[in-house]
Amino acid sequence: MANTGQTRLKVIDALDHPHGGRILRLRLLDGPAPTVRALRGATLSATGPRGQERRLRVLGFPVTGGKVSDGRIRESGRIDLHIEEEGDGVPVDLTWVIQPD
């Protein structure tokens, strides 16, 4: 996949958070690795495999994936996010593509 300069992440695992929201495990597809500062509280756009679209808000970083740092995101290309989906619609799930707004 060509690097477009725009950060794109793919959902490789998704589950409901016990206290609300969802946990998404993401893998970097294209573009520069996002920073923790840029992701904290960010609004993201999600596109499903059938063209569905959702808006997401980052609530935090679950510690199940270990301590979050910019270096870890750059090296592994993976990050776990605790998110809240805005509005009604199909929940974000495997193979969805996420982009920062």
PDB file of N, CA and C in Angstrom:
ATOM      1  N   MET A   1       0.836  -1.174   0.000  1.00  0.00           N
ATOM      2  CA  MET A   1       0.000   0.000   0.000  1.00  0.00           C
ATOM      3  C   MET A   1       0.886   1.245   0.000  1.00  0.00           C
ATOM      4  N   ALA A   2       0.611   2.187  -0.842  1.00  0.00           N
ATOM      5  CA  ALA A   2       1.417   3.390  -0.956  1.00  0.00           C
ATOM      6  C   ALA A   2       1.224   4.293   0.258  1.00  0.00           C
ATOM      7  N   ASN A   3       2.302   4.951   0.646  1.00  0.00           N
ATOM      8  CA  ASN A   3       2.232   5.883   1.759  1.00  0.00           C
ATOM      9  C   ASN A   3       1.675   7.203   1.250  1.00  0.00           C
ATOM     10  N   THR A   4       0.526   7.583   1.732  1.00  0.00           N
ATOM     11  CA  THR A   4      -0.140   8.807   1.287  1.00  0.00           C
ATOM     12  C   THR A   4       0.226   9.999   2.157  1.00  0.00           C
ATOM     13  N   GLY A   5       1.006   9.790   3.226  1.00  0.00           N
ATOM     14  CA  GLY A   5       1.332  10.858   4.151  1.00  0.00           C
ATOM     15  C   GLY A   5       0.284  11.027   5.238  1.00  0.00           C
ATOM     16  N   GLN A   6      -0.890  10.470   5.037  1.00  0.00           N
ATOM     17  CA  GLN A   6      -1.987  10.517   6.010  1.00  0.00           C
ATOM     18  C   GLN A   6      -1.908   9.264   6.875  1.00  0.00           C
ATOM     19  N   THR A   7      -1.967   9.432   8.179  1.00  0.00           N
ATOM     20  CA  THR A   7      -1.941   8.285   9.082  1.00  0.00           C
ATOM     21  C   THR A   7      -3.224   7.481   8.933  1.00  0.00           C
ATOM     22  N   ARG A   8      -3.062   6.177   8.697  1.00  0.00           N
ATOM     23  CA  ARG A   8      -4.206   5.263   8.625  1.00  0.00           C
ATOM     24  C   ARG A   8      -3.884   4.048   9.477  1.00  0.00           C
ATOM     25  N   LEU A   9      -4.854   3.640  10.298  1.00  0.00           N
ATOM     26  CA  LEU A   9      -4.691   2.498  11.188  1.00  0.00           C
ATOM     27  C   LEU A   9      -5.799   1.497  10.906  1.00  0.00           C
ATOM     28  N   LYS A  10      -5.489   0.212  11.022  1.00  0.00           N
ATOM     29  CA  LYS A  10      -6.478  -0.839  10.791  1.00  0.00           C
ATOM     30  C   LYS A  10      -6.827  -1.503  12.119  1.00  0.00           C
ATOM     31  N   VAL A  11      -8.112  -1.751  12.330  1.00  0.00           N
ATOM     32  CA  VAL A  11      -8.565  -2.425  13.549  1.00  0.00           C
ATOM     33  C   VAL A  11      -8.250  -3.917  13.424  1.00  0.00           C
ATOM     34  N   ILE A  12      -7.422  -4.436  14.352  1.00  0.00           N
ATOM     35  CA  ILE A  12      -7.088  -5.861  14.329  1.00  0.00           C
ATOM     36  C   ILE A  12      -7.771  -6.625  15.466  1.00  0.00           C
ATOM     37  N   ASP A  13      -8.372  -5.891  16.406  1.00  0.00           N
ATOM     38  CA  ASP A  13      -9.176  -6.513  17.454  1.00  0.00           C
ATOM     39  C   ASP A  13     -10.088  -5.438  18.043  1.00  0.00           C
ATOM     40  N   ALA A  14     -11.294  -5.825  18.416  1.00  0.00           N
ATOM     41  CA  ALA A  14     -12.260  -4.877  18.982  1.00  0.00           C
ATOM     42  C   ALA A  14     -13.123  -5.599  19.999  1.00  0.00           C
ATOM     43  N   LEU A  15     -13.325  -4.968  21.158  1.00  0.00           N
ATOM     44  CA  LEU A  15     -14.188  -5.560  22.168  1.00  0.00           C
ATOM     45  C   LEU A  15     -14.824  -4.471  23.012  1.00  0.00           C
ATOM     46  N   ASP A  16     -15.943  -4.817  23.631  1.00  0.00           N
ATOM     47  CA  ASP A  16     -16.636  -3.874  24.503  1.00  0.00           C
ATOM     48  C   ASP A  16     -15.850  -3.689  25.792  1.00  0.00           C
ATOM     49  N   HIS A  17     -15.766  -2.445  26.254  1.00  0.00           N
ATOM     50  CA  HIS A  17     -15.121  -2.140  27.525  1.00  0.00           C
ATOM     51  C   HIS A  17     -16.158  -2.351  28.627  1.00  0.00           C
ATOM     52  N   PRO A  18     -15.781  -2.962  29.751  1.00  0.00           N
ATOM     53  CA  PRO A  18     -16.771  -3.259  30.797  1.00  0.00           C
ATOM     54  C   PRO A  18     -17.428  -2.026  31.418  1.00  0.00           C
ATOM     55  N   HIS A  19     -16.799  -0.858  31.303  1.00  0.00           N
ATOM     56  CA  HIS A  19     -17.359   0.359  31.899  1.00  0.00           C
ATOM     57  C   HIS A  19     -17.822   1.353  30.839  1.00  0.00           C
ATOM     58  N   GLY A  20     -18.103   0.870  29.635  1.00  0.00           N
ATOM     59  CA  GLY A  20     -18.586   1.727  28.553  1.00  0.00           C
ATOM     60  C   GLY A  20     -17.536   1.956  27.490  1.00  0.00           C
ATOM     61  N   GLY A  21     -17.993   2.176  26.287  1.00  0.00           N
ATOM     62  CA  GLY A  21     -17.077   2.378  25.174  1.00  0.00           C
ATOM     63  C   GLY A  21     -16.561   1.055  24.636  1.00  0.00           C
ATOM     64  N   ARG A  22     -15.534   1.139  23.813  1.00  0.00           N
ATOM     65  CA  ARG A  22     -14.924  -0.056  23.226  1.00  0.00           C
ATOM     66  C   ARG A  22     -13.412   0.066  23.290  1.00  0.00           C
ATOM     67  N   ILE A  23     -12.750  -1.070  23.253  1.00  0.00           N
ATOM     68  CA  ILE A  23     -11.298  -1.106  23.156  1.00  0.00           C
ATOM     69  C   ILE A  23     -10.961  -1.568  21.748  1.00  0.00           C
ATOM     70  N   LEU A  24     -10.139  -0.777  21.068  1.00  0.00           N
ATOM     71  CA  LEU A  24      -9.693  -1.131  19.728  1.00  0.00           C
ATOM     72  C   LEU A  24      -8.196  -1.361  19.746  1.00  0.00           C
ATOM     73  N   ARG A  25      -7.755  -2.460  19.187  1.00  0.00           N
ATOM     74  CA  ARG A  25      -6.332  -2.717  18.971  1.00  0.00           C
ATOM     75  C   ARG A  25      -6.069  -2.373  17.513  1.00  0.00           C
ATOM     76  N   LEU A  26      -5.150  -1.444  17.290  1.00  0.00           N
ATOM     77  CA  LEU A  26      -4.909  -0.917  15.954  1.00  0.00           C
ATOM     78  C   LEU A  26      -3.491  -1.206  15.484  1.00  0.00           C
ATOM     79  N   ARG A  27      -3.353  -1.357  14.157  1.00  0.00           N
ATOM     80  CA  ARG A  27      -2.039  -1.534  13.524  1.00  0.00           C
ATOM     81  C   ARG A  27      -1.871  -0.433  12.483  1.00  0.00           C
ATOM     82  N   LEU A  28      -0.710   0.195  12.447  1.00  0.00           N
ATOM     83  CA  LEU A  28      -0.412   1.258  11.498  1.00  0.00           C
ATOM     84  C   LEU A  28      -0.363   0.693  10.082  1.00  0.00           C
ATOM     85  N   LEU A  29      -1.145   1.294   9.177  1.00  0.00           N
ATOM     86  CA  LEU A  29      -1.147   0.901   7.766  1.00  0.00           C
ATOM     87  C   LEU A  29      -0.273   1.826   6.937  1.00  0.00           C
ATOM     88  N   ASP A  30      -0.515   3.122   7.047  1.00  0.00           N
ATOM     89  CA  ASP A  30       0.155   4.137   6.231  1.00  0.00           C
ATOM     90  C   ASP A  30       0.465   5.358   7.066  1.00  0.00           C
ATOM     91  N   GLY A  31       1.425   6.125   6.566  1.00  0.00           N
ATOM     92  CA  GLY A  31       1.705   7.425   7.157  1.00  0.00           C
ATOM     93  C   GLY A  31       2.548   7.341   8.410  1.00  0.00           C
ATOM     94  N   PRO A  32       2.791   8.494   9.005  1.00  0.00           N
ATOM     95  CA  PRO A  32       3.612   8.545  10.215  1.00  0.00           C
ATOM     96  C   PRO A  32       2.867   7.977  11.421  1.00  0.00           C
ATOM     97  N   ALA A  33       3.629   7.416  12.343  1.00  0.00           N
ATOM     98  CA  ALA A  33       3.022   6.896  13.577  1.00  0.00           C
ATOM     99  C   ALA A  33       2.471   8.066  14.385  1.00  0.00           C
ATOM    100  N   PRO A  34       1.242   7.950  14.884  1.00  0.00           N
ATOM    101  CA  PRO A  34       0.673   9.038  15.693  1.00  0.00           C
ATOM    102  C   PRO A  34       1.362   9.108  17.053  1.00  0.00           C
ATOM    103  N   THR A  35       1.349  10.281  17.650  1.00  0.00           N
ATOM    104  CA  THR A  35       1.923  10.439  18.983  1.00  0.00           C
ATOM    105  C   THR A  35       0.831  10.263  20.032  1.00  0.00           C
ATOM    106  N   VAL A  36       1.248   9.950  21.236  1.00  0.00           N
ATOM    107  CA  VAL A  36       0.304   9.809  22.347  1.00  0.00           C
ATOM    108  C   VAL A  36      -0.423  11.135  22.563  1.00  0.00           C
ATOM    109  N   ARG A  37       0.302  12.222  22.491  1.00  0.00           N
ATOM    110  CA  ARG A  37      -0.293  13.548  22.693  1.00  0.00           C
ATOM    111  C   ARG A  37      -1.367  13.843  21.642  1.00  0.00           C
ATOM    112  N   ALA A  38      -1.100  13.475  20.384  1.00  0.00           N
ATOM    113  CA  ALA A  38      -2.066  13.722  19.307  1.00  0.00           C
ATOM    114  C   ALA A  38      -3.311  12.853  19.462  1.00  0.00           C
ATOM    115  N   LEU A  39      -3.157  11.650  20.014  1.00  0.00           N
ATOM    116  CA  LEU A  39      -4.290  10.731  20.149  1.00  0.00           C
ATOM    117  C   LEU A  39      -5.159  11.018  21.371  1.00  0.00           C
ATOM    118  N   ARG A  40      -4.558  11.508  22.450  1.00  0.00           N
ATOM    119  CA  ARG A  40      -5.301  11.721  23.700  1.00  0.00           C
ATOM    120  C   ARG A  40      -6.444  12.709  23.468  1.00  0.00           C
ATOM    121  N   GLY A  41      -7.688  12.247  23.627  1.00  0.00           N
ATOM    122  CA  GLY A  41      -8.863  13.094  23.459  1.00  0.00           C
ATOM    123  C   GLY A  41      -9.225  13.398  22.014  1.00  0.00           C
ATOM    124  N   ALA A  42      -8.517  12.794  21.066  1.00  0.00           N
ATOM    125  CA  ALA A  42      -8.725  13.089  19.642  1.00  0.00           C
ATOM    126  C   ALA A  42     -10.054  12.546  19.126  1.00  0.00           C
ATOM    127  N   THR A  43     -10.520  13.159  18.057  1.00  0.00           N
ATOM    128  CA  THR A  43     -11.669  12.655  17.324  1.00  0.00           C
ATOM    129  C   THR A  43     -11.131  11.959  16.082  1.00  0.00           C
ATOM    130  N   LEU A  44     -11.631  10.754  15.820  1.00  0.00           N
ATOM    131  CA  LEU A  44     -11.154   9.940  14.705  1.00  0.00           C
ATOM    132  C   LEU A  44     -12.311   9.590  13.785  1.00  0.00           C
ATOM    133  N   SER A  45     -11.994   9.312  12.539  1.00  0.00           N
ATOM    134  CA  SER A  45     -12.987   8.836  11.572  1.00  0.00           C
ATOM    135  C   SER A  45     -12.719   7.367  11.312  1.00  0.00           C
ATOM    136  N   ALA A  46     -13.774   6.580  11.260  1.00  0.00           N
ATOM    137  CA  ALA A  46     -13.654   5.143  10.998  1.00  0.00           C
ATOM    138  C   ALA A  46     -14.478   4.795   9.767  1.00  0.00           C
ATOM    139  N   THR A  47     -13.894   3.976   8.889  1.00  0.00           N
ATOM    140  CA  THR A  47     -14.588   3.523   7.685  1.00  0.00           C
ATOM    141  C   THR A  47     -14.598   2.005   7.676  1.00  0.00           C
ATOM    142  N   GLY A  48     -15.785   1.428   7.543  1.00  0.00           N
ATOM    143  CA  GLY A  48     -15.945  -0.020   7.545  1.00  0.00           C
ATOM    144  C   GLY A  48     -15.701  -0.633   6.180  1.00  0.00           C
ATOM    145  N   PRO A  49     -15.616  -1.954   6.130  1.00  0.00           N
ATOM    146  CA  PRO A  49     -15.339  -2.656   4.870  1.00  0.00           C
ATOM    147  C   PRO A  49     -16.443  -2.488   3.830  1.00  0.00           C
ATOM    148  N   ARG A  50     -17.636  -2.127   4.255  1.00  0.00           N
ATOM    149  CA  ARG A  50     -18.753  -1.916   3.318  1.00  0.00           C
ATOM    150  C   ARG A  50     -19.072  -0.437   3.134  1.00  0.00           C
ATOM    151  N   GLY A  51     -18.141   0.424   3.528  1.00  0.00           N
ATOM    152  CA  GLY A  51     -18.321   1.854   3.347  1.00  0.00           C
ATOM    153  C   GLY A  51     -19.014   2.571   4.493  1.00  0.00           C
ATOM    154  N   GLN A  52     -19.357   1.856   5.571  1.00  0.00           N
ATOM    155  CA  GLN A  52     -19.978   2.492   6.732  1.00  0.00           C
ATOM    156  C   GLN A  52     -18.987   3.506   7.327  1.00  0.00           C
ATOM    157  N   GLU A  53     -19.516   4.566   7.907  1.00  0.00           N
ATOM    158  CA  GLU A  53     -18.656   5.570   8.526  1.00  0.00           C
ATOM    159  C   GLU A  53     -19.120   5.871   9.944  1.00  0.00           C
ATOM    160  N   ARG A  54     -18.155   6.060  10.834  1.00  0.00           N
ATOM    161  CA  ARG A  54     -18.427   6.404  12.242  1.00  0.00           C
ATOM    162  C   ARG A  54     -17.402   7.433  12.690  1.00  0.00           C
ATOM    163  N   ARG A  55     -17.769   8.200  13.695  1.00  0.00           N
ATOM    164  CA  ARG A  55     -16.844   9.124  14.348  1.00  0.00           C
ATOM    165  C   ARG A  55     -16.585   8.575  15.745  1.00  0.00           C
ATOM    166  N   LEU A  56     -15.338   8.671  16.170  1.00  0.00           N
ATOM    167  CA  LEU A  56     -14.909   8.118  17.450  1.00  0.00           C
ATOM    168  C   LEU A  56     -14.199   9.192  18.258  1.00  0.00           C
ATOM    169  N   ARG A  57     -14.286   9.067  19.571  1.00  0.00           N
ATOM    170  CA  ARG A  57     -13.530   9.945  20.466  1.00  0.00           C
ATOM    171  C   ARG A  57     -12.664   9.069  21.354  1.00  0.00           C
ATOM    172  N   VAL A  58     -11.387   9.396  21.433  1.00  0.00           N
ATOM    173  CA  VAL A  58     -10.451   8.630  22.260  1.00  0.00           C
ATOM    174  C   VAL A  58     -10.644   9.023  23.719  1.00  0.00           C
ATOM    175  N   LEU A  59     -10.969   8.026  24.545  1.00  0.00           N
ATOM    176  CA  LEU A  59     -11.148   8.244  25.983  1.00  0.00           C
ATOM    177  C   LEU A  59      -9.857   8.011  26.750  1.00  0.00           C
ATOM    178  N   GLY A  60      -9.003   7.131  26.230  1.00  0.00           N
ATOM    179  CA  GLY A  60      -7.764   6.822  26.924  1.00  0.00           C
ATOM    180  C   GLY A  60      -7.067   5.633  26.301  1.00  0.00           C
ATOM    181  N   PHE A  61      -6.104   5.100  27.061  1.00  0.00           N
ATOM    182  CA  PHE A  61      -5.279   3.998  26.597  1.00  0.00           C
ATOM    183  C   PHE A  61      -5.343   2.861  27.612  1.00  0.00           C
ATOM    184  N   PRO A  62      -5.938   1.724  27.254  1.00  0.00           N
ATOM    185  CA  PRO A  62      -5.987   0.607  28.205  1.00  0.00           C
ATOM    186  C   PRO A  62      -4.573   0.103  28.500  1.00  0.00           C
ATOM    187  N   VAL A  63      -4.338  -0.277  29.730  1.00  0.00           N
ATOM    188  CA  VAL A  63      -3.002  -0.729  30.112  1.00  0.00           C
ATOM    189  C   VAL A  63      -2.760  -2.200  29.781  1.00  0.00           C
ATOM    190  N   THR A  64      -3.749  -2.879  29.223  1.00  0.00           N
ATOM    191  CA  THR A  64      -3.568  -4.294  28.879  1.00  0.00           C
ATOM    192  C   THR A  64      -2.474  -4.482  27.841  1.00  0.00           C
ATOM    193  N   GLY A  65      -2.233  -3.480  27.021  1.00  0.00           N
ATOM    194  CA  GLY A  65      -1.196  -3.563  25.992  1.00  0.00           C
ATOM    195  C   GLY A  65       0.152  -3.068  26.474  1.00  0.00           C
ATOM    196  N   GLY A  66       0.274  -2.719  27.739  1.00  0.00           N
ATOM    197  CA  GLY A  66       1.522  -2.184  28.272  1.00  0.00           C
ATOM    198  C   GLY A  66       1.505  -0.663  28.276  1.00  0.00           C
ATOM    199  N   LYS A  67       2.576  -0.080  28.818  1.00  0.00           N
ATOM    200  CA  LYS A  67       2.669   1.383  28.909  1.00  0.00           C
ATOM    201  C   LYS A  67       2.768   1.988  27.516  1.00  0.00           C
ATOM    202  N   VAL A  68       1.932   2.971  27.269  1.00  0.00           N
ATOM    203  CA  VAL A  68       1.888   3.619  25.960  1.00  0.00           C
ATOM    204  C   VAL A  68       2.965   4.695  25.882  1.00  0.00           C
ATOM    205  N   SER A  69       3.725   4.693  24.789  1.00  0.00           N
ATOM    206  CA  SER A  69       4.716   5.742  24.554  1.00  0.00           C
ATOM    207  C   SER A  69       4.865   5.935  23.050  1.00  0.00           C
ATOM    208  N   ASP A  70       5.376   7.104  22.671  1.00  0.00           N
ATOM    209  CA  ASP A  70       5.592   7.381  21.250  1.00  0.00           C
ATOM    210  C   ASP A  70       6.562   6.367  20.641  1.00  0.00           C
ATOM    211  N   GLY A  71       7.623   6.052  21.380  1.00  0.00           N
ATOM    212  CA  GLY A  71       8.609   5.088  20.886  1.00  0.00           C
ATOM    213  C   GLY A  71       8.009   3.710  20.658  1.00  0.00           C
ATOM    214  N   ARG A  72       7.179   3.293  21.569  1.00  0.00           N
ATOM    215  CA  ARG A  72       6.547   1.973  21.429  1.00  0.00           C
ATOM    216  C   ARG A  72       5.619   1.931  20.218  1.00  0.00           C
ATOM    217  N   ILE A  73       4.870   3.006  19.986  1.00  0.00           N
ATOM    218  CA  ILE A  73       3.986   3.060  18.817  1.00  0.00           C
ATOM    219  C   ILE A  73       4.822   3.015  17.538  1.00  0.00           C
ATOM    220  N   ARG A  74       5.919   3.805  17.487  1.00  0.00           N
ATOM    221  CA  ARG A  74       6.788   3.816  16.296  1.00  0.00           C
ATOM    222  C   ARG A  74       7.403   2.447  16.035  1.00  0.00           C
ATOM    223  N   GLU A  75       7.915   1.803  17.086  1.00  0.00           N
ATOM    224  CA  GLU A  75       8.617   0.529  16.926  1.00  0.00           C
ATOM    225  C   GLU A  75       7.685  -0.625  16.580  1.00  0.00           C
ATOM    226  N   SER A  76       6.549  -0.712  17.262  1.00  0.00           N
ATOM    227  CA  SER A  76       5.652  -1.855  17.056  1.00  0.00           C
ATOM    228  C   SER A  76       4.604  -1.593  15.978  1.00  0.00           C
ATOM    229  N   GLY A  77       4.280  -0.321  15.745  1.00  0.00           N
ATOM    230  CA  GLY A  77       3.225   0.013  14.790  1.00  0.00           C
ATOM    231  C   GLY A  77       1.839  -0.343  15.301  1.00  0.00           C
ATOM    232  N   ARG A  78       1.724  -0.566  16.614  1.00  0.00           N
ATOM    233  CA  ARG A  78       0.435  -0.955  17.208  1.00  0.00           C
ATOM    234  C   ARG A  78       0.111  -0.087  18.408  1.00  0.00           C
ATOM    235  N   ILE A  79      -1.209   0.071  18.629  1.00  0.00           N
ATOM    236  CA  ILE A  79      -1.673   0.823  19.795  1.00  0.00           C
ATOM    237  C   ILE A  79      -3.077   0.366  20.158  1.00  0.00           C
ATOM    238  N   ASP A  80      -3.360   0.356  21.450  1.00  0.00           N
ATOM    239  CA  ASP A  80      -4.704   0.048  21.947  1.00  0.00           C
ATOM    240  C   ASP A  80      -5.350   1.356  22.391  1.00  0.00           C
ATOM    241  N   LEU A  81      -6.608   1.558  21.993  1.00  0.00           N
ATOM    242  CA  LEU A  81      -7.346   2.761  22.366  1.00  0.00           C
ATOM    243  C   LEU A  81      -8.662   2.394  23.030  1.00  0.00           C
ATOM    244  N   HIS A  82      -9.030   3.149  24.053  1.00  0.00           N
ATOM    245  CA  HIS A  82     -10.370   3.069  24.641  1.00  0.00           C
ATOM    246  C   HIS A  82     -11.143   4.198  23.977  1.00  0.00           C
ATOM    247  N   ILE A  83     -12.190   3.859  23.231  1.00  0.00           N
ATOM    248  CA  ILE A  83     -12.912   4.860  22.447  1.00  0.00           C
ATOM    249  C   ILE A  83     -14.397   4.872  22.781  1.00  0.00           C
ATOM    250  N   GLU A  84     -15.016   5.987  22.417  1.00  0.00           N
ATOM    251  CA  GLU A  84     -16.468   6.123  22.496  1.00  0.00           C
ATOM    252  C   GLU A  84     -16.949   6.442  21.085  1.00  0.00           C
ATOM    253  N   GLU A  85     -17.937   5.687  20.609  1.00  0.00           N
ATOM    254  CA  GLU A  85     -18.486   5.917  19.275  1.00  0.00           C
ATOM    255  C   GLU A  85     -19.581   6.970  19.369  1.00  0.00           C
ATOM    256  N   GLU A  86     -19.544   7.952  18.475  1.00  0.00           N
ATOM    257  CA  GLU A  86     -20.546   9.017  18.470  1.00  0.00           C
ATOM    258  C   GLU A  86     -21.747   8.591  17.635  1.00  0.00           C
ATOM    259  N   GLY A  87     -22.939   8.881  18.123  1.00  0.00           N
ATOM    260  CA  GLY A  87     -24.158   8.569  17.383  1.00  0.00           C
ATOM    261  C   GLY A  87     -24.472   7.085  17.372  1.00  0.00           C
ATOM    262  N   ASP A  88     -25.501   6.740  16.611  1.00  0.00           N
ATOM    263  CA  ASP A  88     -25.924   5.348  16.474  1.00  0.00           C
ATOM    264  C   ASP A  88     -25.379   4.785  15.172  1.00  0.00           C
ATOM    265  N   GLY A  89     -25.220   3.489  15.150  1.00  0.00           N
ATOM    266  CA  GLY A  89     -24.746   2.832  13.939  1.00  0.00           C
ATOM    267  C   GLY A  89     -24.078   1.522  14.267  1.00  0.00           C
ATOM    268  N   VAL A  90     -23.507   0.930  13.250  1.00  0.00           N
ATOM    269  CA  VAL A  90     -22.801  -0.339  13.391  1.00  0.00           C
ATOM    270  C   VAL A  90     -21.536  -0.107  14.217  1.00  0.00           C
ATOM    271  N   PRO A  91     -21.269  -0.942  15.230  1.00  0.00           N
ATOM    272  CA  PRO A  91     -20.044  -0.776  16.019  1.00  0.00           C
ATOM    273  C   PRO A  91     -18.793  -1.004  15.170  1.00  0.00           C
ATOM    274  N   VAL A  92     -17.759  -0.233  15.462  1.00  0.00           N
ATOM    275  CA  VAL A  92     -16.473  -0.416  14.792  1.00  0.00           C
ATOM    276  C   VAL A  92     -15.955  -1.799  15.152  1.00  0.00           C
ATOM    277  N   ASP A  93     -15.471  -2.522  14.154  1.00  0.00           N
ATOM    278  CA  ASP A  93     -15.051  -3.906  14.361  1.00  0.00           C
ATOM    279  C   ASP A  93     -13.813  -4.205  13.518  1.00  0.00           C
ATOM    280  N   LEU A  94     -13.461  -5.472  13.410  1.00  0.00           N
ATOM    281  CA  LEU A  94     -12.284  -5.898  12.657  1.00  0.00           C
ATOM    282  C   LEU A  94     -12.322  -5.366  11.233  1.00  0.00           C
ATOM    283  N   THR A  95     -11.152  -5.057  10.715  1.00  0.00           N
ATOM    284  CA  THR A  95     -10.890  -4.582   9.344  1.00  0.00           C
ATOM    285  C   THR A  95     -11.327  -3.147   9.070  1.00  0.00           C
ATOM    286  N   TRP A  96     -11.925  -2.457  10.022  1.00  0.00           N
ATOM    287  CA  TRP A  96     -12.241  -1.044   9.811  1.00  0.00           C
ATOM    288  C   TRP A  96     -10.932  -0.260   9.742  1.00  0.00           C
ATOM    289  N   VAL A  97     -10.943   0.852   9.030  1.00  0.00           N
ATOM    290  CA  VAL A  97      -9.768   1.720   8.906  1.00  0.00           C
ATOM    291  C   VAL A  97     -10.057   3.023   9.649  1.00  0.00           C
ATOM    292  N   ILE A  98      -9.092   3.438  10.471  1.00  0.00           N
ATOM    293  CA  ILE A  98      -9.227   4.612  11.328  1.00  0.00           C
ATOM    294  C   ILE A  98      -8.260   5.695  10.853  1.00  0.00           C
ATOM    295  N   GLN A  99      -8.749   6.943  10.822  1.00  0.00           N
ATOM    296  CA  GLN A  99      -7.906   8.085  10.470  1.00  0.00           C
ATOM    297  C   GLN A  99      -8.176   9.232  11.432  1.00  0.00           C
ATOM    298  N   PRO A 100      -7.113   9.947  11.836  1.00  0.00           N
ATOM    299  CA  PRO A 100      -7.337  11.148  12.651  1.00  0.00           C
ATOM    300  C   PRO A 100      -8.041  12.216  11.824  1.00  0.00           C
ATOM    301  N   ASP A 101      -8.867  13.031  12.475  1.00  0.00           N
ATOM    302  CA  ASP A 101      -9.533  14.152  11.784  1.00  0.00           C
ATOM    303  C   ASP A 101      -8.581  15.317  11.640  1.00  0.00           C
TER     304      ASP A 101
END
